[in-house]
Structures are given as structure tokens and as C-alpha cells.
N, C-alpha and C. Protein backbone atom coordinates (compact mmCIF):
# COMPACT_ATOMS: atom_id res chain seq x y z
N UNK A 1 -11.19 -15.57 -24.34
CA UNK A 1 -11.60 -15.17 -23.19
C UNK A 1 -10.58 -15.09 -22.08
N UNK A 2 -9.74 -16.20 -22.12
CA UNK A 2 -8.58 -16.07 -21.17
C UNK A 2 -7.75 -14.85 -21.31
N UNK A 3 -7.40 -14.47 -22.59
CA UNK A 3 -6.46 -13.26 -22.66
C UNK A 3 -7.26 -12.07 -22.07
N UNK A 4 -8.55 -11.94 -22.40
CA UNK A 4 -9.45 -10.79 -21.83
C UNK A 4 -9.27 -10.80 -20.29
N UNK A 5 -9.44 -12.00 -19.86
CA UNK A 5 -9.62 -11.94 -18.35
C UNK A 5 -8.09 -11.80 -17.75
N UNK A 6 -7.02 -12.18 -18.28
CA UNK A 6 -5.64 -11.80 -17.86
C UNK A 6 -5.46 -10.41 -17.98
N UNK A 7 -5.86 -9.71 -19.15
CA UNK A 7 -5.84 -8.31 -19.26
C UNK A 7 -6.37 -7.42 -18.34
N UNK A 8 -7.54 -7.83 -18.10
CA UNK A 8 -8.37 -7.25 -17.03
C UNK A 8 -7.72 -7.23 -15.68
N UNK A 9 -7.33 -8.54 -15.38
CA UNK A 9 -6.59 -8.73 -13.97
C UNK A 9 -5.34 -7.93 -13.88
N UNK A 10 -4.57 -7.72 -14.90
CA UNK A 10 -3.43 -7.08 -15.01
C UNK A 10 -3.74 -5.51 -14.73
N UNK A 11 -4.68 -5.08 -15.58
CA UNK A 11 -5.13 -3.61 -15.36
C UNK A 11 -5.64 -3.30 -13.91
N UNK A 12 -6.32 -4.24 -13.45
CA UNK A 12 -6.88 -4.06 -12.07
C UNK A 12 -5.70 -3.94 -11.13
N UNK A 13 -4.69 -4.79 -11.25
CA UNK A 13 -3.53 -4.88 -10.29
C UNK A 13 -2.72 -3.59 -10.55
N UNK A 14 -2.48 -3.16 -11.83
CA UNK A 14 -1.71 -1.88 -12.01
C UNK A 14 -2.39 -0.75 -11.28
N UNK A 15 -3.64 -0.63 -11.46
CA UNK A 15 -4.54 0.50 -10.76
C UNK A 15 -4.56 0.38 -9.38
N UNK A 16 -4.53 -0.82 -8.80
CA UNK A 16 -4.54 -1.04 -7.41
C UNK A 16 -3.29 -0.71 -6.68
N UNK A 17 -2.13 -1.28 -7.42
CA UNK A 17 -0.81 -1.35 -6.60
C UNK A 17 0.16 -0.31 -7.16
N UNK A 18 -0.30 0.54 -7.83
CA UNK A 18 0.64 1.59 -8.31
C UNK A 18 0.21 2.84 -7.86
N UNK A 19 1.06 3.82 -7.73
CA UNK A 19 0.76 5.17 -7.22
C UNK A 19 1.01 6.21 -8.41
N UNK A 20 0.25 7.24 -8.53
CA UNK A 20 0.35 8.27 -9.59
C UNK A 20 1.38 9.22 -9.42
N UNK A 21 1.76 9.48 -8.13
CA UNK A 21 3.06 10.45 -7.82
C UNK A 21 3.62 10.00 -6.60
N UNK A 22 4.70 10.65 -6.37
CA UNK A 22 5.50 10.29 -5.06
C UNK A 22 4.83 10.68 -3.86
N UNK A 23 4.08 11.72 -3.84
CA UNK A 23 3.37 12.07 -2.66
C UNK A 23 2.26 11.09 -2.39
N UNK A 24 1.60 10.52 -3.54
CA UNK A 24 0.67 9.50 -3.22
C UNK A 24 1.16 8.23 -2.66
N UNK A 25 2.48 7.92 -3.09
CA UNK A 25 3.28 6.66 -2.62
C UNK A 25 3.56 6.82 -1.27
N UNK A 26 4.11 8.05 -0.90
CA UNK A 26 4.46 8.31 0.54
C UNK A 26 3.26 8.20 1.52
N UNK A 27 2.24 8.78 0.93
CA UNK A 27 0.98 8.75 1.76
C UNK A 27 0.51 7.11 1.89
N UNK A 28 0.46 6.38 0.95
CA UNK A 28 0.10 4.98 1.00
C UNK A 28 1.01 4.35 1.93
N UNK A 29 2.28 4.50 1.89
CA UNK A 29 3.33 3.96 2.83
C UNK A 29 3.12 4.21 4.33
N UNK A 30 2.74 5.49 4.50
CA UNK A 30 2.43 5.93 5.93
C UNK A 30 0.96 5.33 6.40
N UNK A 31 0.10 5.21 5.59
CA UNK A 31 -1.14 4.47 5.93
C UNK A 31 -0.66 2.77 6.33
N UNK A 32 0.21 2.30 5.43
CA UNK A 32 0.54 0.90 5.70
C UNK A 32 1.19 0.70 7.13
N UNK A 33 1.90 1.70 7.32
CA UNK A 33 2.89 1.62 8.55
C UNK A 33 1.86 2.07 9.77
N UNK A 34 1.14 2.99 9.62
CA UNK A 34 0.18 3.42 10.54
C UNK A 34 -0.82 2.38 11.12
N UNK A 35 -1.46 1.62 10.01
CA UNK A 35 -2.48 0.69 10.38
C UNK A 35 -1.96 -0.81 10.31
N UNK A 36 -0.77 -0.97 10.09
CA UNK A 36 -0.29 -2.37 9.77
C UNK A 36 -0.33 -3.25 11.15
N UNK A 37 -0.27 -2.58 12.27
CA UNK A 37 -0.39 -3.38 13.52
C UNK A 37 -1.63 -3.95 13.93
N UNK A 38 -2.77 -3.47 13.31
CA UNK A 38 -4.14 -3.86 13.66
C UNK A 38 -4.26 -5.27 13.61
N UNK A 39 -4.04 -6.07 12.55
CA UNK A 39 -4.20 -7.46 12.45
C UNK A 39 -3.50 -8.37 13.62
N UNK A 40 -2.42 -7.82 14.13
CA UNK A 40 -1.70 -8.45 15.19
C UNK A 40 -2.44 -8.28 16.49
N UNK A 41 -2.81 -6.93 16.64
CA UNK A 41 -3.71 -6.76 17.82
C UNK A 41 -4.96 -7.59 17.87
N UNK A 42 -5.62 -7.60 16.72
CA UNK A 42 -6.82 -8.47 16.61
C UNK A 42 -6.57 -9.93 16.95
N UNK A 43 -5.56 -10.50 16.60
CA UNK A 43 -4.88 -11.74 16.86
C UNK A 43 -4.85 -12.00 18.44
N UNK A 44 -4.28 -10.96 19.07
CA UNK A 44 -4.00 -10.93 20.52
C UNK A 44 -5.29 -10.99 21.13
N UNK A 45 -6.38 -10.03 20.76
CA UNK A 45 -7.60 -9.98 21.45
C UNK A 45 -8.31 -11.27 21.22
N UNK A 46 -8.34 -11.98 20.11
CA UNK A 46 -9.18 -12.98 19.98
C UNK A 46 -8.52 -14.14 20.87
N UNK A 47 -7.21 -14.29 20.82
CA UNK A 47 -6.59 -15.28 21.72
C UNK A 47 -6.87 -14.99 23.25
N UNK A 48 -6.92 -13.71 23.61
CA UNK A 48 -7.44 -13.55 25.10
C UNK A 48 -8.75 -14.04 25.30
N UNK A 49 -9.78 -13.62 24.39
CA UNK A 49 -10.97 -14.10 24.45
C UNK A 49 -11.25 -15.53 24.57
N UNK A 50 -10.49 -16.22 23.75
CA UNK A 50 -10.57 -17.69 23.61
C UNK A 50 -10.00 -18.30 25.06
N UNK A 51 -8.80 -17.64 25.47
CA UNK A 51 -8.30 -18.20 26.85
C UNK A 51 -9.29 -17.92 27.82
N UNK A 52 -9.99 -16.82 27.94
CA UNK A 52 -11.00 -16.56 28.97
C UNK A 52 -12.04 -17.50 28.85
N UNK A 53 -12.65 -17.67 27.66
CA UNK A 53 -13.80 -18.74 27.72
C UNK A 53 -13.34 -20.12 27.88
N UNK A 54 -12.14 -20.56 27.54
CA UNK A 54 -11.69 -21.75 27.99
C UNK A 54 -11.47 -22.02 29.46
N UNK A 55 -10.97 -20.91 30.16
CA UNK A 55 -10.72 -20.92 31.39
C UNK A 55 -12.11 -20.99 32.12
N UNK A 56 -13.04 -20.39 31.79
CA UNK A 56 -14.39 -20.28 32.35
C UNK A 56 -14.98 -21.67 32.10
N UNK A 57 -14.85 -22.24 31.05
CA UNK A 57 -15.48 -23.58 30.61
C UNK A 57 -14.86 -24.72 31.52
N UNK A 58 -13.46 -24.54 31.57
CA UNK A 58 -12.97 -25.71 32.37
C UNK A 58 -12.87 -25.52 33.91
N UNK A 59 -13.16 -24.25 34.34
CA UNK A 59 -13.15 -23.87 35.71
C UNK A 59 -11.62 -23.71 36.24
N UNK A 60 -11.74 -22.82 37.24
CA UNK A 60 -10.34 -22.67 37.84
C UNK A 60 -9.79 -23.84 38.70
N UNK A 61 -9.10 -24.61 38.21
CA UNK A 61 -8.74 -25.86 38.97
C UNK A 61 -7.40 -25.42 39.61
N UNK A 62 -7.46 -25.56 41.14
CA UNK A 62 -6.35 -25.07 41.88
C UNK A 62 -5.32 -26.29 42.00
N UNK A 63 -4.23 -26.08 41.95
CA UNK A 63 -3.07 -26.86 42.18
C UNK A 63 -2.59 -27.50 40.95
N UNK A 64 -3.21 -27.45 39.81
CA UNK A 64 -2.83 -28.07 38.72
C UNK A 64 -1.58 -27.41 37.83
N UNK A 65 -1.56 -26.07 38.12
CA UNK A 65 -0.37 -25.25 37.43
C UNK A 65 0.92 -25.40 38.07
N UNK A 66 1.76 -25.50 37.19
CA UNK A 66 3.18 -25.57 37.86
C UNK A 66 3.60 -24.27 38.18
N UNK A 67 4.52 -23.99 39.05
CA UNK A 67 5.04 -22.83 39.47
C UNK A 67 6.33 -22.45 38.75
């Protein structure tokens, strides 16, 4: 069973992470660079939302921030 599972995992990884031709590899690299910034942007967006909600929850306290 373990050998079969490992063989299936290897076959899946090869099918998933290898390209048939150079043009397919080039297209995959272009997609990775084109869409690679999305997770970072999502993190910034989530952080901004959390900051807004925390600010609204605690209220805008005047005079507590350092200049």
C-alpha cells in the first residue's frame, strides 16, 4: 500500500510540476510572475481592515500618539 501511495504521489507531482514543452514552461513562468503579487496584496488589505476595525473599536484617542 505504501509503495502504491508513493508512486501515485510521485506521478501526481510530475504531472503537476513539469511542463510538456518550452512554450508551456514559459507560459507557466509568466503566470507565476503575473499573479505572484496577489498574496502580498491580500495581506496588506487584511492588515488595513484589521487596523481600521481596531481603531474603530478603541476609539480615536487624542494625544496618545507620539509625534
